[in-house]
Amino acid sequence: MTEQVIEGVWWIPGRDRFLPDSHVYVIGKPESGDFSLVDSGLMEMGSYKLEELTKAGFRLNQIKRIIMTHTHIDHIGCLKELLPAIPDAEVWVHGEEALFIERGDDKIVMGNKIFESMIRSQYELENGLFTVKVHRKLEGGETLTLGGMKFRVIHIPGHTSGSIGLFNDEHRLLISGDTIYADGAIGRFDLFSADPAQLKNSLNTIADLGIDILLPGHNRIVKGGADPMIRNTVRQWLPLLGG
């Protein structure tokens, strides 16, 4: 069920099925008529996400873009199920990962050969499913105006090379993808394009933001007072990331 987090930000919880299904966040003040989705979710979840958007009162033709925190399969898997229903929506991805999905290289999408074998045993994946045109390649450091709200793009590599977070200074709100969660966990750093040293730096960046609201890619969200929990998570993980 879609839930409003603050004015201008909604949460559509993922529905795990064999594999995790990422949450989708909707950004944009209602009066703006300009909405952004953050991530899309797992294969076969497109109809669920579209139904939730419609039930929550969003007009699909007002969704202008889908911003990917990164391109693992549980975040990008149903992107091509969503796009036919919102054909005018642009796809925005960090440039590091845009290079892969535009040329149909699914190494980052799959994570590793073991995961790929497991996934293909459970799903029939058509050729080209993860080949996507990217309309805007993000770098990190941009300030985006999304439906009347401002978000800073923060490049936080480590879980993947092109992982990003979206940070709203007014509400101290971070959409963190899979870099850090609200339950003391962090993103895996043993998959293709992951790097523990980069992840260590990214966690330090996150800890310095003074976050109040944490909206991760999976599991529970934190609607207030997230900073002490984040700092504790980072403190516990840093010694395990080397360096």
C-alpha atoms as a PDB file:
ATOM      1  CA  MET A   1       0.000   0.000   0.000  1.00  0.00           C
ATOM      2  CA  THR A   2       1.364   3.402  -0.987  1.00  0.00           C
ATOM      3  CA  GLU A   3       2.250   5.572   2.006  1.00  0.00           C
ATOM      4  CA  GLN A   4       3.050   9.268   2.153  1.00  0.00           C
ATOM      5  CA  VAL A   5       6.328   9.903   3.984  1.00  0.00           C
ATOM      6  CA  ILE A   6       6.265  13.701   3.797  1.00  0.00           C
ATOM      7  CA  GLU A   7       4.498  16.090   1.465  1.00  0.00           C
ATOM      8  CA  GLY A   8       5.952  15.327  -1.931  1.00  0.00           C
ATOM      9  CA  VAL A   9       7.445  11.903  -1.165  1.00  0.00           C
ATOM     10  CA  TRP A  10       5.578   8.581  -1.226  1.00  0.00           C
ATOM     11  CA  TRP A  11       6.696   5.028  -0.567  1.00  0.00           C
ATOM     12  CA  ILE A  12       5.485   1.970  -2.517  1.00  0.00           C
ATOM     13  CA  PRO A  13       6.856  -1.033  -0.570  1.00  0.00           C
ATOM     14  CA  GLY A  14       8.485  -3.821  -2.513  1.00  0.00           C
ATOM     15  CA  ARG A  15       6.865  -7.249  -2.571  1.00  0.00           C
ATOM     16  CA  ASP A  16       9.555  -9.893  -2.427  1.00  0.00           C
ATOM     17  CA  ARG A  17       9.027 -12.963  -4.594  1.00  0.00           C
ATOM     18  CA  PHE A  18      11.888 -15.466  -4.699  1.00  0.00           C
ATOM     19  CA  LEU A  19      14.185 -12.458  -5.031  1.00  0.00           C
ATOM     20  CA  PRO A  20      13.885  -9.129  -3.185  1.00  0.00           C
ATOM     21  CA  ASP A  21      11.727  -6.512  -4.885  1.00  0.00           C
ATOM     22  CA  SER A  22      12.957  -2.976  -4.323  1.00  0.00           C
ATOM     23  CA  HIS A  23      10.778  -0.238  -2.948  1.00  0.00           C
ATOM     24  CA  VAL A  24       9.683   2.509  -5.326  1.00  0.00           C
ATOM     25  CA  TYR A  25       9.574   6.106  -4.163  1.00  0.00           C
ATOM     26  CA  VAL A  26       7.514   8.857  -5.806  1.00  0.00           C
ATOM     27  CA  ILE A  27       8.767  12.436  -5.668  1.00  0.00           C
ATOM     28  CA  GLY A  28       6.825  15.584  -6.521  1.00  0.00           C
ATOM     29  CA  LYS A  29       4.414  18.000  -4.868  1.00  0.00           C
ATOM     30  CA  PRO A  30       0.825  17.213  -5.863  1.00  0.00           C
ATOM     31  CA  GLU A  31       0.203  20.613  -7.431  1.00  0.00           C
ATOM     32  CA  SER A  32       3.304  20.352  -9.636  1.00  0.00           C
ATOM     33  CA  GLY A  33       1.934  17.741 -12.044  1.00  0.00           C
ATOM     34  CA  ASP A  34       5.553  16.568 -12.320  1.00  0.00           C
ATOM     35  CA  PHE A  35       6.416  13.287 -10.640  1.00  0.00           C
ATOM     36  CA  SER A  36       9.523  11.125 -10.535  1.00  0.00           C
ATOM     37  CA  LEU A  37       9.855   7.470  -9.649  1.00  0.00           C
ATOM     38  CA  VAL A  38      12.979   6.268  -7.898  1.00  0.00           C
ATOM     39  CA  ASP A  39      13.755   2.678  -8.929  1.00  0.00           C
ATOM     40  CA  SER A  40      11.275   0.275 -10.509  1.00  0.00           C
ATOM     41  CA  GLY A  41      11.551  -3.139  -8.853  1.00  0.00           C
ATOM     42  CA  LEU A  42      11.818  -6.784  -9.759  1.00  0.00           C
ATOM     43  CA  MET A  43      10.502  -8.550 -12.848  1.00  0.00           C
ATOM     44  CA  GLU A  44       6.747  -9.256 -12.843  1.00  0.00           C
ATOM     45  CA  MET A  45       6.105  -6.425 -10.367  1.00  0.00           C
ATOM     46  CA  GLY A  46       5.176  -3.816 -12.947  1.00  0.00           C
ATOM     47  CA  SER A  47       1.425  -4.313 -12.703  1.00  0.00           C
ATOM     48  CA  TYR A  48       1.566  -4.052  -8.913  1.00  0.00           C
ATOM     49  CA  LYS A  49       3.565  -0.822  -9.017  1.00  0.00           C
ATOM     50  CA  LEU A  50       1.274   0.696 -11.662  1.00  0.00           C
ATOM     51  CA  GLU A  51      -1.831  -0.310  -9.695  1.00  0.00           C
ATOM     52  CA  GLU A  52      -0.418   1.309  -6.547  1.00  0.00           C
ATOM     53  CA  LEU A  53       0.354   4.512  -8.429  1.00  0.00           C
ATOM     54  CA  THR A  54      -3.167   4.664  -9.858  1.00  0.00           C
ATOM     55  CA  LYS A  55      -4.833   3.875  -6.527  1.00  0.00           C
ATOM     56  CA  ALA A  56      -2.825   6.633  -4.876  1.00  0.00           C
ATOM     57  CA  GLY A  57      -4.194   9.113  -7.407  1.00  0.00           C
ATOM     58  CA  PHE A  58      -1.160   9.630  -9.634  1.00  0.00           C
ATOM     59  CA  ARG A  59      -1.811  10.234 -13.314  1.00  0.00           C
ATOM     60  CA  LEU A  60       0.662   8.137 -15.239  1.00  0.00           C
ATOM     61  CA  ASN A  61       1.143  10.825 -17.876  1.00  0.00           C
ATOM     62  CA  GLN A  62       2.473  13.122 -15.132  1.00  0.00           C
ATOM     63  CA  ILE A  63       5.367  10.773 -14.325  1.00  0.00           C
ATOM     64  CA  LYS A  64       8.246  12.440 -16.123  1.00  0.00           C
ATOM     65  CA  ARG A  65      11.244  10.299 -15.194  1.00  0.00           C
ATOM     66  CA  ILE A  66      12.466   7.144 -13.495  1.00  0.00           C
ATOM     67  CA  ILE A  67      15.696   7.635 -11.565  1.00  0.00           C
ATOM     68  CA  MET A  68      17.704   4.519 -10.776  1.00  0.00           C
ATOM     69  CA  THR A  69      19.725   4.382  -7.550  1.00  0.00           C
ATOM     70  CA  HIS A  70      21.615   1.551  -9.281  1.00  0.00           C
ATOM     71  CA  THR A  71      20.889  -1.172 -11.830  1.00  0.00           C
ATOM     72  CA  HIS A  72      20.788  -4.477  -9.950  1.00  0.00           C
ATOM     73  CA  ILE A  73      18.013  -6.761 -11.163  1.00  0.00           C
ATOM     74  CA  ASP A  74      15.754  -6.177  -8.153  1.00  0.00           C
ATOM     75  CA  HIS A  75      15.721  -2.440  -8.936  1.00  0.00           C
ATOM     76  CA  ILE A  76      15.661  -2.397 -12.742  1.00  0.00           C
ATOM     77  CA  GLY A  77      13.925  -5.727 -13.443  1.00  0.00           C
ATOM     78  CA  CYS A  78      10.458  -4.377 -14.207  1.00  0.00           C
ATOM     79  CA  LEU A  79      11.524  -1.093 -15.788  1.00  0.00           C
ATOM     80  CA  LYS A  80      10.380  -2.307 -19.204  1.00  0.00           C
ATOM     81  CA  GLU A  81       7.007  -3.265 -17.712  1.00  0.00           C
ATOM     82  CA  LEU A  82       6.506   0.293 -16.503  1.00  0.00           C
ATOM     83  CA  LEU A  83       7.681   2.199 -19.559  1.00  0.00           C
ATOM     84  CA  PRO A  84       4.860   1.147 -21.922  1.00  0.00           C
ATOM     85  CA  ALA A  85       2.363   2.608 -19.448  1.00  0.00           C
ATOM     86  CA  ILE A  86       4.386   5.813 -19.030  1.00  0.00           C
ATOM     87  CA  PRO A  87       6.085   6.101 -22.437  1.00  0.00           C
ATOM     88  CA  ASP A  88       7.080   9.739 -22.007  1.00  0.00           C
ATOM     89  CA  ALA A  89       9.103   9.037 -18.866  1.00  0.00           C
ATOM     90  CA  GLU A  90      12.837   9.491 -19.165  1.00  0.00           C
ATOM     91  CA  VAL A  91      15.330   7.108 -17.573  1.00  0.00           C
ATOM     92  CA  TRP A  92      18.086   8.684 -15.484  1.00  0.00           C
ATOM     93  CA  VAL A  93      21.065   6.579 -14.354  1.00  0.00           C
ATOM     94  CA  HIS A  94      24.569   7.337 -13.146  1.00  0.00           C
ATOM     95  CA  GLY A  95      26.950   7.361 -16.100  1.00  0.00           C
ATOM     96  CA  GLU A  96      29.038   4.473 -14.716  1.00  0.00           C
ATOM     97  CA  GLU A  97      26.097   2.099 -15.086  1.00  0.00           C
ATOM     98  CA  ALA A  98      24.396   3.740 -18.042  1.00  0.00           C
ATOM     99  CA  LEU A  99      27.311   2.537 -20.166  1.00  0.00           C
ATOM    100  CA  PHE A 100      26.445  -1.065 -19.313  1.00  0.00           C
ATOM    101  CA  ILE A 101      22.675  -1.062 -19.772  1.00  0.00           C
ATOM    102  CA  GLU A 102      22.737   0.987 -22.972  1.00  0.00           C
ATOM    103  CA  ARG A 103      24.929  -1.606 -24.663  1.00  0.00           C
ATOM    104  CA  GLY A 104      23.037  -4.561 -23.198  1.00  0.00           C
ATOM    105  CA  ASP A 105      25.825  -5.696 -20.881  1.00  0.00           C
ATOM    106  CA  ASP A 106      24.052  -7.186 -17.863  1.00  0.00           C
ATOM    107  CA  LYS A 107      27.077  -7.871 -15.645  1.00  0.00           C
ATOM    108  CA  ILE A 108      26.003  -5.281 -13.065  1.00  0.00           C
ATOM    109  CA  VAL A 109      22.325  -6.224 -13.408  1.00  0.00           C
ATOM    110  CA  MET A 110      23.017  -9.868 -12.552  1.00  0.00           C
ATOM    111  CA  GLY A 111      25.708  -9.302  -9.939  1.00  0.00           C
ATOM    112  CA  ASN A 112      27.682 -12.484 -10.589  1.00  0.00           C
ATOM    113  CA  LYS A 113      27.465 -15.797 -12.451  1.00  0.00           C
ATOM    114  CA  ILE A 114      25.983 -17.657  -9.474  1.00  0.00           C
ATOM    115  CA  PHE A 115      23.114 -15.174  -9.152  1.00  0.00           C
ATOM    116  CA  GLU A 116      22.607 -15.174 -12.909  1.00  0.00           C
ATOM    117  CA  SER A 117      22.252 -18.966 -12.980  1.00  0.00           C
ATOM    118  CA  MET A 118      19.802 -18.877 -10.082  1.00  0.00           C
ATOM    119  CA  ILE A 119      17.750 -16.074 -11.644  1.00  0.00           C
ATOM    120  CA  ARG A 120      17.550 -17.744 -15.052  1.00  0.00           C
ATOM    121  CA  SER A 121      16.348 -20.957 -13.401  1.00  0.00           C
ATOM    122  CA  GLN A 122      13.358 -19.060 -11.978  1.00  0.00           C
ATOM    123  CA  TYR A 123      12.540 -16.539 -14.712  1.00  0.00           C
ATOM    124  CA  GLU A 124      12.271 -16.649 -18.480  1.00  0.00           C
ATOM    125  CA  LEU A 125      14.199 -13.542 -19.451  1.00  0.00           C
ATOM    126  CA  GLU A 126      13.763 -12.307 -22.998  1.00  0.00           C
ATOM    127  CA  ASN A 127      16.770 -11.038 -24.903  1.00  0.00           C
ATOM    128  CA  GLY A 128      17.337  -7.337 -24.454  1.00  0.00           C
ATOM    129  CA  LEU A 129      15.235  -7.088 -21.286  1.00  0.00           C
ATOM    130  CA  PHE A 130      17.917  -5.020 -19.573  1.00  0.00           C
ATOM    131  CA  THR A 131      18.981  -2.963 -22.577  1.00  0.00           C
ATOM    132  CA  VAL A 132      17.680   0.509 -21.825  1.00  0.00           C
ATOM    133  CA  LYS A 133      18.030   3.951 -23.396  1.00  0.00           C
ATOM    134  CA  VAL A 134      19.300   6.396 -20.800  1.00  0.00           C
ATOM    135  CA  HIS A 135      18.079   9.954 -21.267  1.00  0.00           C
ATOM    136  CA  ARG A 136      20.253  11.572 -18.616  1.00  0.00           C
ATOM    137  CA  LYS A 137      23.539  10.318 -17.245  1.00  0.00           C
ATOM    138  CA  LEU A 138      24.054  11.532 -13.700  1.00  0.00           C
ATOM    139  CA  GLU A 139      27.471  12.127 -12.184  1.00  0.00           C
ATOM    140  CA  GLY A 140      26.864  13.159  -8.573  1.00  0.00           C
ATOM    141  CA  GLY A 141      26.892  16.733  -7.350  1.00  0.00           C
ATOM    142  CA  GLU A 142      23.857  17.826  -9.365  1.00  0.00           C
ATOM    143  CA  THR A 143      20.959  19.588  -7.677  1.00  0.00           C
ATOM    144  CA  LEU A 144      17.712  18.363  -9.235  1.00  0.00           C
ATOM    145  CA  THR A 145      14.386  20.172  -9.034  1.00  0.00           C
ATOM    146  CA  LEU A 146      11.808  17.396  -9.030  1.00  0.00           C
ATOM    147  CA  GLY A 147       8.174  18.413  -8.843  1.00  0.00           C
ATOM    148  CA  GLY A 148       8.909  21.505  -6.781  1.00  0.00           C
ATOM    149  CA  MET A 149      11.414  19.763  -4.488  1.00  0.00           C
ATOM    150  CA  LYS A 150      15.192  19.964  -4.553  1.00  0.00           C
ATOM    151  CA  PHE A 151      17.381  16.874  -4.240  1.00  0.00           C
ATOM    152  CA  ARG A 152      21.142  16.624  -4.372  1.00  0.00           C
ATOM    153  CA  VAL A 153      22.564  13.663  -6.274  1.00  0.00           C
ATOM    154  CA  ILE A 154      25.235  11.986  -4.161  1.00  0.00           C
ATOM    155  CA  HIS A 155      27.495   9.445  -5.847  1.00  0.00           C
ATOM    156  CA  ILE A 156      27.963   6.675  -3.268  1.00  0.00           C
ATOM    157  CA  PRO A 157      29.792   3.833  -5.045  1.00  0.00           C
ATOM    158  CA  GLY A 158      30.774   0.605  -3.379  1.00  0.00           C
ATOM    159  CA  HIS A 159      27.675  -1.566  -3.664  1.00  0.00           C
ATOM    160  CA  THR A 160      27.870  -0.832  -7.392  1.00  0.00           C
ATOM    161  CA  SER A 161      30.097   1.592  -9.255  1.00  0.00           C
ATOM    162  CA  GLY A 162      27.226   3.938 -10.111  1.00  0.00           C
ATOM    163  CA  SER A 163      25.173   3.826  -6.912  1.00  0.00           C
ATOM    164  CA  ILE A 164      23.593   7.166  -6.034  1.00  0.00           C
ATOM    165  CA  GLY A 165      21.576   8.639  -3.216  1.00  0.00           C
ATOM    166  CA  LEU A 166      19.067  11.479  -3.450  1.00  0.00           C
ATOM    167  CA  PHE A 167      19.279  13.928  -0.543  1.00  0.00           C
ATOM    168  CA  ASN A 168      16.767  16.636   0.335  1.00  0.00           C
ATOM    169  CA  ASP A 169      18.386  19.241   2.586  1.00  0.00           C
ATOM    170  CA  GLU A 170      15.119  20.771   3.817  1.00  0.00           C
ATOM    171  CA  HIS A 171      13.907  17.547   5.407  1.00  0.00           C
ATOM    172  CA  ARG A 172      17.329  15.886   5.824  1.00  0.00           C
ATOM    173  CA  LEU A 173      15.908  13.012   3.788  1.00  0.00           C
ATOM    174  CA  LEU A 174      18.037  10.435   1.981  1.00  0.00           C
ATOM    175  CA  ILE A 175      16.870   7.876  -0.556  1.00  0.00           C
ATOM    176  CA  SER A 176      19.828   5.536  -0.179  1.00  0.00           C
ATOM    177  CA  GLY A 177      19.258   2.666  -2.601  1.00  0.00           C
ATOM    178  CA  ASP A 178      21.113  -0.378  -1.280  1.00  0.00           C
ATOM    179  CA  THR A 179      24.133   1.411   0.153  1.00  0.00           C
ATOM    180  CA  ILE A 180      22.742   1.511   3.697  1.00  0.00           C
ATOM    181  CA  TYR A 181      19.589   0.128   5.284  1.00  0.00           C
ATOM    182  CA  ALA A 182      17.590   0.946   8.393  1.00  0.00           C
ATOM    183  CA  ASP A 183      18.318  -2.337  10.164  1.00  0.00           C
ATOM    184  CA  GLY A 184      22.070  -2.105  10.688  1.00  0.00           C
ATOM    185  CA  ALA A 185      22.932  -3.613   7.313  1.00  0.00           C
ATOM    186  CA  ILE A 186      24.767  -2.240   4.286  1.00  0.00           C
ATOM    187  CA  GLY A 187      24.837  -3.258   0.638  1.00  0.00           C
ATOM    188  CA  ARG A 188      26.836  -6.262  -0.502  1.00  0.00           C
ATOM    189  CA  PHE A 189      30.338  -5.470  -1.688  1.00  0.00           C
ATOM    190  CA  ASP A 190      31.240  -8.802  -3.330  1.00  0.00           C
ATOM    191  CA  LEU A 191      29.361  -8.385  -6.623  1.00  0.00           C
ATOM    192  CA  PHE A 192      30.483  -7.135 -10.030  1.00  0.00           C
ATOM    193  CA  SER A 193      31.606  -3.462  -9.873  1.00  0.00           C
ATOM    194  CA  ALA A 194      31.384  -3.408  -6.060  1.00  0.00           C
ATOM    195  CA  ASP A 195      34.361  -2.163  -4.069  1.00  0.00           C
ATOM    196  CA  PRO A 196      34.723  -2.245  -0.264  1.00  0.00           C
ATOM    197  CA  ALA A 197      37.122   0.728  -0.152  1.00  0.00           C
ATOM    198  CA  GLN A 198      34.667   2.864  -2.134  1.00  0.00           C
ATOM    199  CA  LEU A 199      31.813   1.671   0.064  1.00  0.00           C
ATOM    200  CA  LYS A 200      33.765   2.718   3.151  1.00  0.00           C
ATOM    201  CA  ASN A 201      34.135   6.232   1.747  1.00  0.00           C
ATOM    202  CA  SER A 202      30.460   6.323   0.771  1.00  0.00           C
ATOM    203  CA  LEU A 203      29.341   5.304   4.260  1.00  0.00           C
ATOM    204  CA  ASN A 204      31.443   8.091   5.738  1.00  0.00           C
ATOM    205  CA  THR A 205      29.787  10.514   3.308  1.00  0.00           C
ATOM    206  CA  ILE A 206      26.344   9.331   4.396  1.00  0.00           C
ATOM    207  CA  ALA A 207      27.225   9.549   8.103  1.00  0.00           C
ATOM    208  CA  ASP A 208      28.209  13.203   7.659  1.00  0.00           C
ATOM    209  CA  LEU A 209      24.855  14.244   6.172  1.00  0.00           C
ATOM    210  CA  GLY A 210      22.942  14.456   9.453  1.00  0.00           C
ATOM    211  CA  ILE A 211      20.069  12.401   8.075  1.00  0.00           C
ATOM    212  CA  ASP A 212      16.670  12.531   9.755  1.00  0.00           C
ATOM    213  CA  ILE A 213      14.591  10.443   7.301  1.00  0.00           C
ATOM    214  CA  LEU A 214      16.123   7.338   5.713  1.00  0.00           C
ATOM    215  CA  LEU A 215      14.411   5.695   2.752  1.00  0.00           C
ATOM    216  CA  PRO A 216      16.416   2.614   1.693  1.00  0.00           C
ATOM    217  CA  GLY A 217      15.830   0.261  -1.217  1.00  0.00           C
ATOM    218  CA  HIS A 218      14.507  -2.579   0.950  1.00  0.00           C
ATOM    219  CA  ASN A 219      13.059  -3.382   4.369  1.00  0.00           C
ATOM    220  CA  ARG A 220      11.784  -0.743   6.781  1.00  0.00           C
ATOM    221  CA  ILE A 221      12.059   3.005   6.444  1.00  0.00           C
ATOM    222  CA  VAL A 222      12.859   5.554   9.169  1.00  0.00           C
ATOM    223  CA  LYS A 223      10.610   8.610   9.283  1.00  0.00           C
ATOM    224  CA  GLY A 224      12.604  10.561  11.837  1.00  0.00           C
ATOM    225  CA  GLY A 225      15.695  10.519  14.013  1.00  0.00           C
ATOM    226  CA  ALA A 226      17.761   8.326  11.684  1.00  0.00           C
ATOM    227  CA  ASP A 227      21.144   9.965  12.309  1.00  0.00           C
ATOM    228  CA  PRO A 228      22.230   8.042  15.453  1.00  0.00           C
ATOM    229  CA  MET A 229      21.227   4.716  13.887  1.00  0.00           C
ATOM    230  CA  ILE A 230      23.129   5.528  10.692  1.00  0.00           C
ATOM    231  CA  ARG A 231      26.255   6.571  12.572  1.00  0.00           C
ATOM    232  CA  ASN A 232      26.135   3.376  14.622  1.00  0.00           C
ATOM    233  CA  THR A 233      25.736   1.239  11.489  1.00  0.00           C
ATOM    234  CA  VAL A 234      28.655   2.969   9.805  1.00  0.00           C
ATOM    235  CA  ARG A 235      30.834   2.670  12.913  1.00  0.00           C
ATOM    236  CA  GLN A 236      30.210  -1.085  13.102  1.00  0.00           C
ATOM    237  CA  TRP A 237      30.921  -1.745   9.426  1.00  0.00           C
ATOM    238  CA  LEU A 238      33.965   0.425   8.754  1.00  0.00           C
ATOM    239  CA  PRO A 239      36.495  -1.952  10.366  1.00  0.00           C
ATOM    240  CA  LEU A 240      35.185  -4.780   8.175  1.00  0.00           C
ATOM    241  CA  LEU A 241      35.754  -2.860   4.945  1.00  0.00           C
ATOM    242  CA  GLY A 242      39.532  -2.741   5.202  1.00  0.00           C
ATOM    243  CA  GLY A 243      41.899   0.140   4.718  1.00  0.00           C
END
